[in-house]
Amino acid sequence: EPQIDVGQAYRSRTKVRQEGVPGRPIWPIGTNLNTTDVAGVGTMVFFRFQTAVLIWAITGFALFMGFALGVSTDLLQIGVKKAVTPQQFCSVIQWGRKRQMELIWTKVYWLAFMYPFSIVGAFIYAVTSQRLFDYMDNEQMTMSDYVAAIRDIPQTAGSEKIEEKLKEAIEQASGEKVIGVSVAWDYHDHETEHHVAEACEYETSLLDKFDPEPQPEESMDGSAWDPEKRGCAGRFFDHISAKVLQNWKVNLDDTKSEHDPAHIKELVEKIQCTDSAFAVFDTEDARDRALDKLSGGFD
């Protein structure tokens, strides 16, 4: 059962765990995700939004129930009172219309409160979210602290080693050490996108090959499974599955020639870069000094 063990180990590694704690235990179920950084500031903002929605809904419901219990419980019956006979229908409609007009002021007051409450609450949520993001950004070291965006890069093929050239140009113009440059590549056309996706999938699959000598598949009785012994029905469904996977652009054959390193290299060298790139500096201060020096651009 090595595949199952690997799958379970991978699932365990993807769980959010407490960093810096011996054994890296899972976070307790009672953890307050509004104030505790479990999986980044985005998670905190998301759960604060959920909290804001709950506060808004509970406030509106409580206010309406206050009117119903404090003024008249007819507010809870208007529109839902049952009627069977024609006479009852007429009676309920007449009663509902009369009580609706008599109690309309409660709905007006409810709306007069909820509209400003909603607008003010939205502003408060937006401001607190922005302040939380700024606080977390100042308190934590993230990749964005070391990265600078580069714009207006001339369109160049991958064979021109544009990333290395940009790295050297930035270091010469700024005098700061650059760890590396990552260029955004343009492969929006369907055919190129398909080949790039397959190449990435293939490279990722190489990381999952934990068993250098895979064992042959077994049938239900424990004997070695021979795909040549499949019946007509089995071959028919294999054909259908292959067609579906082909239409979905899913490739399960790692031995295809297009996965050859030479083919992948040729593909990468043909792709054109976009006008955007990202430079990673050694320190945040180095990034800031480079931005000051190169604010007007560089050649």
C-alpha atoms as a PDB file:
ATOM      1  CA  GLU A   1       0.000   0.000   0.000  1.00  0.00           C
ATOM      2  CA  PRO A   2       2.797   2.518  -0.716  1.00  0.00           C
ATOM      3  CA  GLN A   3       0.557   4.774  -2.841  1.00  0.00           C
ATOM      4  CA  ILE A   4      -1.988   5.076  -0.044  1.00  0.00           C
ATOM      5  CA  ASP A   5       0.740   5.860   2.475  1.00  0.00           C
ATOM      6  CA  VAL A   6       2.179   8.547   0.217  1.00  0.00           C
ATOM      7  CA  GLY A   7      -1.284  10.020  -0.378  1.00  0.00           C
ATOM      8  CA  GLN A   8      -2.059  10.130   3.339  1.00  0.00           C
ATOM      9  CA  ALA A   9       1.327  11.675   4.095  1.00  0.00           C
ATOM     10  CA  TYR A  10       0.722  14.351   1.448  1.00  0.00           C
ATOM     11  CA  ARG A  11      -2.738  15.077   2.839  1.00  0.00           C
ATOM     12  CA  SER A  12      -1.258  15.411   6.304  1.00  0.00           C
ATOM     13  CA  ARG A  13       1.389  17.846   5.063  1.00  0.00           C
ATOM     14  CA  THR A  14      -1.250  20.065   3.444  1.00  0.00           C
ATOM     15  CA  LYS A  15      -3.067  20.577   6.734  1.00  0.00           C
ATOM     16  CA  VAL A  16      -2.565  23.950   8.374  1.00  0.00           C
ATOM     17  CA  ARG A  17      -0.359  23.397  11.416  1.00  0.00           C
ATOM     18  CA  GLN A  18       1.169  25.542  14.134  1.00  0.00           C
ATOM     19  CA  GLU A  19       4.638  26.706  13.183  1.00  0.00           C
ATOM     20  CA  GLY A  20       7.330  26.911  15.836  1.00  0.00           C
ATOM     21  CA  VAL A  21       5.538  24.453  18.137  1.00  0.00           C
ATOM     22  CA  PRO A  22       7.133  21.046  18.805  1.00  0.00           C
ATOM     23  CA  GLY A  23       5.388  18.412  16.720  1.00  0.00           C
ATOM     24  CA  ARG A  24       3.583  21.083  14.627  1.00  0.00           C
ATOM     25  CA  PRO A  25       0.115  20.206  15.996  1.00  0.00           C
ATOM     26  CA  ILE A  26      -3.083  21.108  14.182  1.00  0.00           C
ATOM     27  CA  TRP A  27      -4.747  24.324  15.310  1.00  0.00           C
ATOM     28  CA  PRO A  28      -7.473  23.813  17.962  1.00  0.00           C
ATOM     29  CA  ILE A  29     -11.041  23.916  16.698  1.00  0.00           C
ATOM     30  CA  GLY A  30     -11.764  26.878  18.972  1.00  0.00           C
ATOM     31  CA  THR A  31      -9.098  29.083  17.357  1.00  0.00           C
ATOM     32  CA  ASN A  32     -10.366  32.607  16.671  1.00  0.00           C
ATOM     33  CA  LEU A  33      -9.620  33.061  12.970  1.00  0.00           C
ATOM     34  CA  ASN A  34     -10.550  36.745  13.144  1.00  0.00           C
ATOM     35  CA  THR A  35      -7.494  37.563  15.234  1.00  0.00           C
ATOM     36  CA  THR A  36      -5.156  34.570  14.834  1.00  0.00           C
ATOM     37  CA  ASP A  37      -2.916  34.320  11.778  1.00  0.00           C
ATOM     38  CA  VAL A  38      -3.413  30.690  10.772  1.00  0.00           C
ATOM     39  CA  ALA A  39      -3.053  30.802   6.990  1.00  0.00           C
ATOM     40  CA  GLY A  40      -2.257  34.392   6.089  1.00  0.00           C
ATOM     41  CA  VAL A  41      -4.010  37.736   6.153  1.00  0.00           C
ATOM     42  CA  GLY A  42      -6.441  36.672   3.414  1.00  0.00           C
ATOM     43  CA  THR A  43      -7.919  34.020   5.707  1.00  0.00           C
ATOM     44  CA  MET A  44      -8.296  36.547   8.528  1.00  0.00           C
ATOM     45  CA  VAL A  45     -10.041  39.059   6.251  1.00  0.00           C
ATOM     46  CA  PHE A  46     -12.333  36.318   4.914  1.00  0.00           C
ATOM     47  CA  PHE A  47     -13.459  35.225   8.378  1.00  0.00           C
ATOM     48  CA  ARG A  48     -13.882  38.831   9.446  1.00  0.00           C
ATOM     49  CA  PHE A  49     -16.221  39.210   6.484  1.00  0.00           C
ATOM     50  CA  GLN A  50     -18.187  36.167   7.682  1.00  0.00           C
ATOM     51  CA  THR A  51     -18.366  37.733  11.147  1.00  0.00           C
ATOM     52  CA  ALA A  52     -19.554  41.040   9.672  1.00  0.00           C
ATOM     53  CA  VAL A  53     -22.305  39.274   7.706  1.00  0.00           C
ATOM     54  CA  LEU A  54     -23.451  37.450  10.857  1.00  0.00           C
ATOM     55  CA  ILE A  55     -23.506  40.703  12.836  1.00  0.00           C
ATOM     56  CA  TRP A  56     -25.491  42.402  10.087  1.00  0.00           C
ATOM     57  CA  ALA A  57     -28.042  39.574   9.848  1.00  0.00           C
ATOM     58  CA  ILE A  58     -28.436  39.147  13.609  1.00  0.00           C
ATOM     59  CA  THR A  59     -28.872  42.915  14.088  1.00  0.00           C
ATOM     60  CA  GLY A  60     -31.562  43.118  11.403  1.00  0.00           C
ATOM     61  CA  PHE A  61     -33.382  40.081  12.781  1.00  0.00           C
ATOM     62  CA  ALA A  62     -33.163  41.302  16.382  1.00  0.00           C
ATOM     63  CA  LEU A  63     -34.514  44.742  15.431  1.00  0.00           C
ATOM     64  CA  PHE A  64     -37.441  43.256  13.530  1.00  0.00           C
ATOM     65  CA  MET A  65     -38.238  40.861  16.390  1.00  0.00           C
ATOM     66  CA  GLY A  66     -38.082  43.807  18.769  1.00  0.00           C
ATOM     67  CA  PHE A  67     -40.778  45.571  16.741  1.00  0.00           C
ATOM     68  CA  ALA A  68     -42.825  42.352  16.568  1.00  0.00           C
ATOM     69  CA  LEU A  69     -42.688  41.682  20.303  1.00  0.00           C
ATOM     70  CA  GLY A  70     -42.830  45.294  21.410  1.00  0.00           C
ATOM     71  CA  VAL A  71     -45.454  46.649  19.010  1.00  0.00           C
ATOM     72  CA  SER A  72     -47.559  43.805  17.630  1.00  0.00           C
ATOM     73  CA  THR A  73     -47.045  40.143  16.829  1.00  0.00           C
ATOM     74  CA  ASP A  74     -49.201  40.706  13.762  1.00  0.00           C
ATOM     75  CA  LEU A  75     -45.928  41.585  12.004  1.00  0.00           C
ATOM     76  CA  LEU A  76     -45.122  37.875  12.129  1.00  0.00           C
ATOM     77  CA  GLN A  77     -48.492  36.810  10.725  1.00  0.00           C
ATOM     78  CA  ILE A  78     -49.020  39.212   7.831  1.00  0.00           C
ATOM     79  CA  GLY A  79     -48.725  37.254   4.597  1.00  0.00           C
ATOM     80  CA  VAL A  80     -48.593  33.814   6.219  1.00  0.00           C
ATOM     81  CA  LYS A  81     -52.036  33.445   7.743  1.00  0.00           C
ATOM     82  CA  LYS A  82     -53.826  30.362   6.425  1.00  0.00           C
ATOM     83  CA  ALA A  83     -57.156  30.438   4.629  1.00  0.00           C
ATOM     84  CA  VAL A  84     -59.193  27.595   3.138  1.00  0.00           C
ATOM     85  CA  THR A  85     -62.607  28.845   2.071  1.00  0.00           C
ATOM     86  CA  PRO A  86     -63.253  31.845  -0.226  1.00  0.00           C
ATOM     87  CA  GLN A  87     -64.718  33.735   2.715  1.00  0.00           C
ATOM     88  CA  GLN A  88     -61.555  33.150   4.749  1.00  0.00           C
ATOM     89  CA  PHE A  89     -59.424  34.315   1.831  1.00  0.00           C
ATOM     90  CA  CYS A  90     -61.325  37.581   1.619  1.00  0.00           C
ATOM     91  CA  SER A  91     -61.171  38.037   5.389  1.00  0.00           C
ATOM     92  CA  VAL A  92     -57.410  37.369   5.565  1.00  0.00           C
ATOM     93  CA  ILE A  93     -56.686  39.714   2.640  1.00  0.00           C
ATOM     94  CA  GLN A  94     -58.755  42.516   4.182  1.00  0.00           C
ATOM     95  CA  TRP A  95     -57.184  42.002   7.608  1.00  0.00           C
ATOM     96  CA  GLY A  96     -53.664  41.803   6.184  1.00  0.00           C
ATOM     97  CA  ARG A  97     -54.076  44.972   4.136  1.00  0.00           C
ATOM     98  CA  LYS A  98     -55.425  46.888   7.120  1.00  0.00           C
ATOM     99  CA  ARG A  99     -52.700  45.723   9.535  1.00  0.00           C
ATOM    100  CA  GLN A 100     -49.996  46.278   6.940  1.00  0.00           C
ATOM    101  CA  MET A 101     -50.942  49.948   6.597  1.00  0.00           C
ATOM    102  CA  GLU A 102     -51.285  50.366  10.353  1.00  0.00           C
ATOM    103  CA  LEU A 103     -47.854  48.875  11.020  1.00  0.00           C
ATOM    104  CA  ILE A 104     -46.038  50.265   7.980  1.00  0.00           C
ATOM    105  CA  TRP A 105     -44.178  52.730  10.190  1.00  0.00           C
ATOM    106  CA  THR A 106     -42.292  49.854  11.835  1.00  0.00           C
ATOM    107  CA  LYS A 107     -40.873  48.751   8.461  1.00  0.00           C
ATOM    108  CA  VAL A 108     -39.953  52.336   7.614  1.00  0.00           C
ATOM    109  CA  TYR A 109     -38.061  52.696  10.893  1.00  0.00           C
ATOM    110  CA  TRP A 110     -36.415  49.295  10.315  1.00  0.00           C
ATOM    111  CA  LEU A 111     -35.192  50.346   6.868  1.00  0.00           C
ATOM    112  CA  ALA A 112     -34.183  53.801   8.146  1.00  0.00           C
ATOM    113  CA  PHE A 113     -31.865  52.060  10.611  1.00  0.00           C
ATOM    114  CA  MET A 114     -30.600  49.168   8.462  1.00  0.00           C
ATOM    115  CA  TYR A 115     -29.540  51.234   5.449  1.00  0.00           C
ATOM    116  CA  PRO A 116     -27.172  53.567   7.359  1.00  0.00           C
ATOM    117  CA  PHE A 117     -26.084  50.645   9.532  1.00  0.00           C
ATOM    118  CA  SER A 118     -25.156  48.650   6.430  1.00  0.00           C
ATOM    119  CA  ILE A 119     -23.251  51.514   4.811  1.00  0.00           C
ATOM    120  CA  VAL A 120     -21.354  52.463   7.972  1.00  0.00           C
ATOM    121  CA  GLY A 121     -20.633  48.800   8.673  1.00  0.00           C
ATOM    122  CA  ALA A 122     -19.224  48.314   5.156  1.00  0.00           C
ATOM    123  CA  PHE A 123     -16.908  51.298   5.621  1.00  0.00           C
ATOM    124  CA  ILE A 124     -15.776  50.024   9.015  1.00  0.00           C
ATOM    125  CA  TYR A 125     -15.080  46.578   7.566  1.00  0.00           C
ATOM    126  CA  ALA A 126     -13.099  48.061   4.663  1.00  0.00           C
ATOM    127  CA  VAL A 127     -10.998  50.296   6.917  1.00  0.00           C
ATOM    128  CA  THR A 128     -10.272  47.572   9.477  1.00  0.00           C
ATOM    129  CA  SER A 129      -9.362  45.116   6.721  1.00  0.00           C
ATOM    130  CA  GLN A 130      -6.922  47.568   5.177  1.00  0.00           C
ATOM    131  CA  ARG A 131      -5.392  48.337   8.564  1.00  0.00           C
ATOM    132  CA  LEU A 132      -5.065  44.618   9.284  1.00  0.00           C
ATOM    133  CA  PHE A 133      -3.363  44.048   5.935  1.00  0.00           C
ATOM    134  CA  ASP A 134      -0.932  46.942   6.560  1.00  0.00           C
ATOM    135  CA  TYR A 135      -0.182  45.695  10.075  1.00  0.00           C
ATOM    136  CA  MET A 136       0.488  42.128   8.936  1.00  0.00           C
ATOM    137  CA  ASP A 137       2.620  43.372   6.037  1.00  0.00           C
ATOM    138  CA  ASN A 138       4.743  45.419   8.445  1.00  0.00           C
ATOM    139  CA  GLU A 139       5.039  42.647  11.019  1.00  0.00           C
ATOM    140  CA  GLN A 140       5.838  39.756   8.684  1.00  0.00           C
ATOM    141  CA  MET A 141       8.510  39.110   6.088  1.00  0.00           C
ATOM    142  CA  THR A 142       6.952  38.025   2.802  1.00  0.00           C
ATOM    143  CA  MET A 143       8.175  37.689  -0.768  1.00  0.00           C
ATOM    144  CA  SER A 144       6.607  41.041  -1.658  1.00  0.00           C
ATOM    145  CA  ASP A 145       9.126  42.753   0.646  1.00  0.00           C
ATOM    146  CA  TYR A 146      11.961  41.734  -1.652  1.00  0.00           C
ATOM    147  CA  VAL A 147      10.291  41.996  -5.069  1.00  0.00           C
ATOM    148  CA  ALA A 148      10.065  44.889  -7.515  1.00  0.00           C
ATOM    149  CA  ALA A 149       7.863  44.874 -10.615  1.00  0.00           C
ATOM    150  CA  ILE A 150       9.416  45.754 -13.969  1.00  0.00           C
ATOM    151  CA  ARG A 151       7.301  47.109 -16.825  1.00  0.00           C
ATOM    152  CA  ASP A 152       7.725  47.963 -20.531  1.00  0.00           C
ATOM    153  CA  ILE A 153      10.119  45.135 -21.330  1.00  0.00           C
ATOM    154  CA  PRO A 154      10.622  44.646 -25.090  1.00  0.00           C
ATOM    155  CA  GLN A 155       9.063  41.455 -26.386  1.00  0.00           C
ATOM    156  CA  THR A 156      11.828  38.851 -26.607  1.00  0.00           C
ATOM    157  CA  ALA A 157      12.003  35.125 -27.313  1.00  0.00           C
ATOM    158  CA  GLY A 158      13.060  32.709 -24.617  1.00  0.00           C
ATOM    159  CA  SER A 159      16.237  31.883 -26.484  1.00  0.00           C
ATOM    160  CA  GLU A 160      17.583  35.386 -25.753  1.00  0.00           C
ATOM    161  CA  LYS A 161      18.099  34.679 -22.024  1.00  0.00           C
ATOM    162  CA  ILE A 162      16.115  37.803 -21.181  1.00  0.00           C
ATOM    163  CA  GLU A 163      16.032  37.059 -17.443  1.00  0.00           C
ATOM    164  CA  GLU A 164      19.814  36.915 -17.177  1.00  0.00           C
ATOM    165  CA  LYS A 165      20.175  40.116 -19.207  1.00  0.00           C
ATOM    166  CA  LEU A 166      17.655  41.931 -17.021  1.00  0.00           C
ATOM    167  CA  LYS A 167      19.432  40.750 -13.877  1.00  0.00           C
ATOM    168  CA  GLU A 168      22.769  42.107 -15.104  1.00  0.00           C
ATOM    169  CA  ALA A 169      21.213  45.390 -16.283  1.00  0.00           C
ATOM    170  CA  ILE A 170      19.472  46.030 -12.963  1.00  0.00           C
ATOM    171  CA  GLU A 171      22.605  45.263 -10.954  1.00  0.00           C
ATOM    172  CA  GLN A 172      24.699  47.604 -13.114  1.00  0.00           C
ATOM    173  CA  ALA A 173      22.139  50.426 -13.040  1.00  0.00           C
ATOM    174  CA  SER A 174      21.279  50.187  -9.336  1.00  0.00           C
ATOM    175  CA  GLY A 175      24.453  48.836  -7.794  1.00  0.00           C
ATOM    176  CA  GLU A 176      22.376  46.401  -5.739  1.00  0.00           C
ATOM    177  CA  LYS A 177      22.548  42.621  -5.696  1.00  0.00           C
ATOM    178  CA  VAL A 178      19.714  40.867  -7.497  1.00  0.00           C
ATOM    179  CA  ILE A 179      18.927  37.282  -6.541  1.00  0.00           C
ATOM    180  CA  GLY A 180      17.012  36.603  -9.723  1.00  0.00           C
ATOM    181  CA  VAL A 181      14.513  37.882 -12.278  1.00  0.00           C
ATOM    182  CA  SER A 182      11.311  36.142 -13.336  1.00  0.00           C
ATOM    183  CA  VAL A 183       9.707  37.199 -16.606  1.00  0.00           C
ATOM    184  CA  ALA A 184       6.033  36.733 -17.412  1.00  0.00           C
ATOM    185  CA  TRP A 185       5.707  34.685 -20.609  1.00  0.00           C
ATOM    186  CA  ASP A 186       3.001  35.053 -23.223  1.00  0.00           C
ATOM    187  CA  TYR A 187       1.494  31.697 -24.176  1.00  0.00           C
ATOM    188  CA  HIS A 188      -2.149  32.709 -24.479  1.00  0.00           C
ATOM    189  CA  ASP A 189      -2.790  30.878 -27.754  1.00  0.00           C
ATOM    190  CA  HIS A 190      -4.499  27.542 -27.198  1.00  0.00           C
ATOM    191  CA  GLU A 191      -1.870  25.272 -28.749  1.00  0.00           C
ATOM    192  CA  THR A 192       1.090  26.753 -26.857  1.00  0.00           C
ATOM    193  CA  GLU A 193      -0.870  26.863 -23.612  1.00  0.00           C
ATOM    194  CA  HIS A 194      -1.696  23.179 -24.031  1.00  0.00           C
ATOM    195  CA  HIS A 195       1.946  22.216 -24.583  1.00  0.00           C
ATOM    196  CA  VAL A 196       3.144  24.329 -21.645  1.00  0.00           C
ATOM    197  CA  ALA A 197       0.510  22.838 -19.347  1.00  0.00           C
ATOM    198  CA  GLU A 198       1.518  19.313 -20.382  1.00  0.00           C
ATOM    199  CA  ALA A 199       5.211  20.069 -19.861  1.00  0.00           C
ATOM    200  CA  CYS A 200       4.514  21.466 -16.386  1.00  0.00           C
ATOM    201  CA  GLU A 201       2.352  18.458 -15.548  1.00  0.00           C
ATOM    202  CA  TYR A 202       5.107  16.135 -16.698  1.00  0.00           C
ATOM    203  CA  GLU A 203       7.795  17.933 -14.674  1.00  0.00           C
ATOM    204  CA  THR A 204       5.550  17.815 -11.608  1.00  0.00           C
ATOM    205  CA  SER A 205       4.876  14.111 -12.108  1.00  0.00           C
ATOM    206  CA  LEU A 206       8.620  13.440 -11.966  1.00  0.00           C
ATOM    207  CA  LEU A 207       8.603  14.644  -8.364  1.00  0.00           C
ATOM    208  CA  ASP A 208       5.979  12.040  -7.473  1.00  0.00           C
ATOM    209  CA  LYS A 209       7.990   9.067  -8.693  1.00  0.00           C
ATOM    210  CA  PHE A 210       9.061   7.773  -5.294  1.00  0.00           C
ATOM    211  CA  ASP A 211       9.442   4.121  -6.374  1.00  0.00           C
ATOM    212  CA  PRO A 212      12.290   3.543  -8.885  1.00  0.00           C
ATOM    213  CA  GLU A 213      11.061   0.002  -9.521  1.00  0.00           C
ATOM    214  CA  PRO A 214       7.262   0.141  -9.655  1.00  0.00           C
ATOM    215  CA  GLN A 215       5.528  -3.149  -9.080  1.00  0.00           C
ATOM    216  CA  PRO A 216       3.153  -4.511 -11.725  1.00  0.00           C
ATOM    217  CA  GLU A 217      -0.508  -3.912 -11.134  1.00  0.00           C
ATOM    218  CA  GLU A 218      -2.449  -6.767  -9.622  1.00  0.00           C
ATOM    219  CA  SER A 219      -5.886  -8.073 -10.369  1.00  0.00           C
ATOM    220  CA  MET A 220      -8.492  -8.765  -7.709  1.00  0.00           C
ATOM    221  CA  ASP A 221      -7.246 -12.313  -7.132  1.00  0.00           C
ATOM    222  CA  GLY A 222      -3.688 -11.093  -6.473  1.00  0.00           C
ATOM    223  CA  SER A 223      -2.173 -12.264  -9.758  1.00  0.00           C
ATOM    224  CA  ALA A 224      -0.292  -9.968 -12.105  1.00  0.00           C
ATOM    225  CA  TRP A 225      -2.692  -7.943 -14.230  1.00  0.00           C
ATOM    226  CA  ASP A 226      -2.167  -8.260 -17.984  1.00  0.00           C
ATOM    227  CA  PRO A 227      -3.842  -5.457 -20.005  1.00  0.00           C
ATOM    228  CA  GLU A 228      -3.701  -7.635 -23.150  1.00  0.00           C
ATOM    229  CA  LYS A 229      -6.170 -10.072 -21.589  1.00  0.00           C
ATOM    230  CA  ARG A 230      -8.958  -7.544 -21.308  1.00  0.00           C
ATOM    231  CA  GLY A 231     -12.164  -8.492 -23.064  1.00  0.00           C
ATOM    232  CA  CYS A 232     -14.056  -6.625 -25.750  1.00  0.00           C
ATOM    233  CA  ALA A 233     -16.008  -4.586 -23.203  1.00  0.00           C
ATOM    234  CA  GLY A 234     -12.820  -3.609 -21.395  1.00  0.00           C
ATOM    235  CA  ARG A 235     -11.122  -2.474 -24.593  1.00  0.00           C
ATOM    236  CA  PHE A 236     -14.248  -0.568 -25.623  1.00  0.00           C
ATOM    237  CA  PHE A 237     -14.370   1.380 -22.365  1.00  0.00           C
ATOM    238  CA  ASP A 238     -10.607   1.966 -22.554  1.00  0.00           C
ATOM    239  CA  HIS A 239     -11.166   3.542 -25.963  1.00  0.00           C
ATOM    240  CA  ILE A 240     -13.956   5.758 -24.597  1.00  0.00           C
ATOM    241  CA  SER A 241     -11.784   6.806 -21.629  1.00  0.00           C
ATOM    242  CA  ALA A 242      -8.873   7.649 -23.919  1.00  0.00           C
ATOM    243  CA  LYS A 243     -11.110   9.832 -26.107  1.00  0.00           C
ATOM    244  CA  VAL A 244     -12.516  11.683 -23.089  1.00  0.00           C
ATOM    245  CA  LEU A 245      -9.045  12.277 -21.633  1.00  0.00           C
ATOM    246  CA  GLN A 246      -7.823  13.452 -25.036  1.00  0.00           C
ATOM    247  CA  ASN A 247     -10.639  15.997 -25.267  1.00  0.00           C
ATOM    248  CA  TRP A 248      -9.863  17.171 -21.737  1.00  0.00           C
ATOM    249  CA  LYS A 249      -6.186  17.540 -22.673  1.00  0.00           C
ATOM    250  CA  VAL A 250      -5.193  15.027 -19.969  1.00  0.00           C
ATOM    251  CA  ASN A 251      -2.132  12.959 -20.739  1.00  0.00           C
ATOM    252  CA  LEU A 252      -1.358   9.847 -18.707  1.00  0.00           C
ATOM    253  CA  ASP A 253       1.485   8.625 -20.907  1.00  0.00           C
ATOM    254  CA  ASP A 254       4.793   9.983 -19.575  1.00  0.00           C
ATOM    255  CA  THR A 255       6.775   8.406 -22.412  1.00  0.00           C
ATOM    256  CA  LYS A 256       5.468  10.632 -25.215  1.00  0.00           C
ATOM    257  CA  SER A 257       8.128  12.328 -27.306  1.00  0.00           C
ATOM    258  CA  GLU A 258       6.812  15.805 -26.557  1.00  0.00           C
ATOM    259  CA  HIS A 259       8.055  15.317 -22.980  1.00  0.00           C
ATOM    260  CA  ASP A 260      11.582  14.927 -24.224  1.00  0.00           C
ATOM    261  CA  PRO A 261      13.865  17.585 -22.643  1.00  0.00           C
ATOM    262  CA  ALA A 262      14.935  18.744 -26.094  1.00  0.00           C
ATOM    263  CA  HIS A 263      11.294  19.295 -27.096  1.00  0.00           C
ATOM    264  CA  ILE A 264      10.566  21.227 -23.888  1.00  0.00           C
ATOM    265  CA  LYS A 265      13.667  23.380 -24.433  1.00  0.00           C
ATOM    266  CA  GLU A 266      12.600  24.136 -27.993  1.00  0.00           C
ATOM    267  CA  LEU A 267       9.124  25.072 -26.763  1.00  0.00           C
ATOM    268  CA  VAL A 268      10.465  27.439 -24.100  1.00  0.00           C
ATOM    269  CA  GLU A 269      12.875  29.130 -26.493  1.00  0.00           C
ATOM    270  CA  LYS A 270      10.066  29.936 -28.928  1.00  0.00           C
ATOM    271  CA  ILE A 271       7.745  31.591 -26.390  1.00  0.00           C
ATOM    272  CA  GLN A 272       7.760  35.387 -26.342  1.00  0.00           C
ATOM    273  CA  CYS A 273       7.907  37.300 -23.070  1.00  0.00           C
ATOM    274  CA  THR A 274       5.362  39.928 -22.021  1.00  0.00           C
ATOM    275  CA  ASP A 275       6.247  43.458 -20.957  1.00  0.00           C
ATOM    276  CA  SER A 276       6.306  42.507 -17.250  1.00  0.00           C
ATOM    277  CA  ALA A 277       8.858  40.887 -14.965  1.00  0.00           C
ATOM    278  CA  PHE A 278       9.720  40.655 -11.269  1.00  0.00           C
ATOM    279  CA  ALA A 279      13.145  41.170  -9.730  1.00  0.00           C
ATOM    280  CA  VAL A 280      14.007  39.626  -6.354  1.00  0.00           C
ATOM    281  CA  PHE A 281      16.574  41.506  -4.245  1.00  0.00           C
ATOM    282  CA  ASP A 282      18.755  40.335  -1.382  1.00  0.00           C
ATOM    283  CA  THR A 283      17.128  42.596   1.227  1.00  0.00           C
ATOM    284  CA  GLU A 284      14.147  44.923   1.483  1.00  0.00           C
ATOM    285  CA  ASP A 285      16.444  47.926   1.890  1.00  0.00           C
ATOM    286  CA  ALA A 286      18.280  46.937  -1.295  1.00  0.00           C
ATOM    287  CA  ARG A 287      14.948  46.743  -3.099  1.00  0.00           C
ATOM    288  CA  ASP A 288      13.964  50.213  -1.861  1.00  0.00           C
ATOM    289  CA  ARG A 289      17.318  51.757  -2.850  1.00  0.00           C
ATOM    290  CA  ALA A 290      17.049  50.197  -6.308  1.00  0.00           C
ATOM    291  CA  LEU A 291      13.544  51.574  -6.760  1.00  0.00           C
ATOM    292  CA  ASP A 292      14.734  55.046  -5.820  1.00  0.00           C
ATOM    293  CA  LYS A 293      17.609  54.896  -8.313  1.00  0.00           C
ATOM    294  CA  LEU A 294      15.590  53.338 -11.130  1.00  0.00           C
ATOM    295  CA  SER A 295      12.317  55.215 -10.686  1.00  0.00           C
ATOM    296  CA  GLY A 296      12.882  56.851 -14.066  1.00  0.00           C
ATOM    297  CA  GLY A 297      13.667  53.570 -15.799  1.00  0.00           C
ATOM    298  CA  PHE A 298      16.842  51.942 -17.145  1.00  0.00           C
ATOM    299  CA  ASP A 299      18.205  50.552 -20.407  1.00  0.00           C
END
